[in-house]
Amino acid sequence: MAVILLPQNIYEQFSTCLPDKLEEEISRASIRLKLQEPPKAVEERILYQLELDRLSGLKYLSQLRKGKLSLEDFNLKVELVAS
């Protein structure tokens, strides 16, 4: 499994917000991805994958905040990158 790249600013924004705000963002991102047409062009596939990685990173962050994922396991799955 590949490490998910998550921008540092997204991590900072959602690591300290109210839990409901994080869950709402996960829900919105999930709905956006489901409503998108399948990406055809290379650029569309790249943007789709970036959004999918962002969603996965937010889900792992949610698990971390709920105590379902240790910080060590989070760091094995997600790498924070400069924004």
C-alpha atoms as a PDB file:
ATOM      1  CA  MET A   1       0.000   0.000   0.000  1.00  0.00           C
ATOM      2  CA  ALA A   2       1.338   3.431  -0.968  1.00  0.00           C
ATOM      3  CA  VAL A   3       1.664   6.255   1.516  1.00  0.00           C
ATOM      4  CA  ILE A   4      -0.964   8.964   1.082  1.00  0.00           C
ATOM      5  CA  LEU A   5       0.356  12.500   0.710  1.00  0.00           C
ATOM      6  CA  LEU A   6      -1.662  15.017   2.725  1.00  0.00           C
ATOM      7  CA  PRO A   7      -0.878  18.740   2.637  1.00  0.00           C
ATOM      8  CA  GLN A   8       0.285  20.089   6.011  1.00  0.00           C
ATOM      9  CA  ASN A   9      -2.284  22.923   5.922  1.00  0.00           C
ATOM     10  CA  ILE A  10      -5.165  20.440   5.510  1.00  0.00           C
ATOM     11  CA  TYR A  11      -3.823  18.402   8.428  1.00  0.00           C
ATOM     12  CA  GLU A  12      -3.510  21.496  10.624  1.00  0.00           C
ATOM     13  CA  GLN A  13      -6.987  22.736   9.683  1.00  0.00           C
ATOM     14  CA  PHE A  14      -8.749  19.472  10.476  1.00  0.00           C
ATOM     15  CA  SER A  15      -6.606  18.102  13.320  1.00  0.00           C
ATOM     16  CA  THR A  16      -7.806  20.782  15.721  1.00  0.00           C
ATOM     17  CA  CYS A  17     -11.310  21.578  14.472  1.00  0.00           C
ATOM     18  CA  LEU A  18     -14.513  20.274  16.001  1.00  0.00           C
ATOM     19  CA  PRO A  19     -15.006  16.583  15.162  1.00  0.00           C
ATOM     20  CA  ASP A  20     -18.293  17.365  13.386  1.00  0.00           C
ATOM     21  CA  LYS A  21     -16.524  19.718  10.972  1.00  0.00           C
ATOM     22  CA  LEU A  22     -14.065  16.968  10.007  1.00  0.00           C
ATOM     23  CA  GLU A  23     -16.867  14.441   9.494  1.00  0.00           C
ATOM     24  CA  GLU A  24     -18.825  16.962   7.375  1.00  0.00           C
ATOM     25  CA  GLU A  25     -15.765  17.538   5.169  1.00  0.00           C
ATOM     26  CA  ILE A  26     -15.297  13.774   4.736  1.00  0.00           C
ATOM     27  CA  SER A  27     -18.950  13.443   3.769  1.00  0.00           C
ATOM     28  CA  ARG A  28     -18.794  16.341   1.276  1.00  0.00           C
ATOM     29  CA  ALA A  29     -15.604  15.056  -0.340  1.00  0.00           C
ATOM     30  CA  SER A  30     -17.053  11.564  -0.620  1.00  0.00           C
ATOM     31  CA  ILE A  31     -20.218  12.861  -2.277  1.00  0.00           C
ATOM     32  CA  ARG A  32     -18.187  15.038  -4.684  1.00  0.00           C
ATOM     33  CA  LEU A  33     -16.166  12.023  -5.795  1.00  0.00           C
ATOM     34  CA  LYS A  34     -19.261   9.858  -6.254  1.00  0.00           C
ATOM     35  CA  LEU A  35     -20.989  12.502  -8.373  1.00  0.00           C
ATOM     36  CA  GLN A  36     -18.022  13.013 -10.697  1.00  0.00           C
ATOM     37  CA  GLU A  37     -17.958  11.419 -14.093  1.00  0.00           C
ATOM     38  CA  PRO A  38     -15.169   8.878 -14.494  1.00  0.00           C
ATOM     39  CA  PRO A  39     -11.991  10.801 -15.347  1.00  0.00           C
ATOM     40  CA  LYS A  40     -10.885  10.366 -18.951  1.00  0.00           C
ATOM     41  CA  ALA A  41      -8.015  12.755 -19.590  1.00  0.00           C
ATOM     42  CA  VAL A  42      -4.695  12.360 -17.807  1.00  0.00           C
ATOM     43  CA  GLU A  43      -5.155  15.682 -15.999  1.00  0.00           C
ATOM     44  CA  GLU A  44      -8.621  14.632 -14.802  1.00  0.00           C
ATOM     45  CA  ARG A  45      -7.257  11.343 -13.470  1.00  0.00           C
ATOM     46  CA  ILE A  46      -4.494  13.168 -11.599  1.00  0.00           C
ATOM     47  CA  LEU A  47      -6.967  15.595 -10.008  1.00  0.00           C
ATOM     48  CA  TYR A  48      -9.311  12.722  -9.155  1.00  0.00           C
ATOM     49  CA  GLN A  49      -6.466  10.809  -7.484  1.00  0.00           C
ATOM     50  CA  LEU A  50      -5.417  13.895  -5.511  1.00  0.00           C
ATOM     51  CA  GLU A  51      -8.979  14.324  -4.242  1.00  0.00           C
ATOM     52  CA  LEU A  52      -9.200  10.625  -3.418  1.00  0.00           C
ATOM     53  CA  ASP A  53      -5.909  10.830  -1.488  1.00  0.00           C
ATOM     54  CA  ARG A  54      -7.159  13.908   0.380  1.00  0.00           C
ATOM     55  CA  LEU A  55     -10.333  12.042   1.343  1.00  0.00           C
ATOM     56  CA  SER A  56      -8.355   9.005   2.495  1.00  0.00           C
ATOM     57  CA  GLY A  57      -6.019  11.230   4.514  1.00  0.00           C
ATOM     58  CA  LEU A  58      -8.988  12.891   6.207  1.00  0.00           C
ATOM     59  CA  LYS A  59     -10.486   9.488   7.024  1.00  0.00           C
ATOM     60  CA  TYR A  60      -7.216   8.370   8.625  1.00  0.00           C
ATOM     61  CA  LEU A  61      -7.085  11.650  10.558  1.00  0.00           C
ATOM     62  CA  SER A  62     -10.617  11.011  11.798  1.00  0.00           C
ATOM     63  CA  GLN A  63      -9.603   7.529  12.963  1.00  0.00           C
ATOM     64  CA  LEU A  64      -6.557   9.008  14.702  1.00  0.00           C
ATOM     65  CA  ARG A  65      -8.676  11.590  16.502  1.00  0.00           C
ATOM     66  CA  LYS A  66     -11.172   8.931  17.598  1.00  0.00           C
ATOM     67  CA  GLY A  67      -8.383   6.753  18.986  1.00  0.00           C
ATOM     68  CA  LYS A  68      -9.004   4.005  16.416  1.00  0.00           C
ATOM     69  CA  LEU A  69      -5.568   4.548  14.868  1.00  0.00           C
ATOM     70  CA  SER A  70      -2.296   5.173  16.688  1.00  0.00           C
ATOM     71  CA  LEU A  71      -0.051   8.069  15.708  1.00  0.00           C
ATOM     72  CA  GLU A  72       2.558   5.542  14.593  1.00  0.00           C
ATOM     73  CA  ASP A  73       0.059   3.793  12.305  1.00  0.00           C
ATOM     74  CA  PHE A  74      -1.173   7.160  11.001  1.00  0.00           C
ATOM     75  CA  ASN A  75       2.407   8.107  10.109  1.00  0.00           C
ATOM     76  CA  LEU A  76       2.849   4.800   8.267  1.00  0.00           C
ATOM     77  CA  LYS A  77      -0.224   5.539   6.130  1.00  0.00           C
ATOM     78  CA  VAL A  78      -0.017   9.327   5.683  1.00  0.00           C
ATOM     79  CA  GLU A  79       2.878  11.612   4.880  1.00  0.00           C
ATOM     80  CA  LEU A  80       2.415  15.315   5.507  1.00  0.00           C
ATOM     81  CA  VAL A  81       3.771  17.484   2.701  1.00  0.00           C
ATOM     82  CA  ALA A  82       4.210  21.217   2.239  1.00  0.00           C
ATOM     83  CA  SER A  83       1.123  22.905   0.873  1.00  0.00           C
END
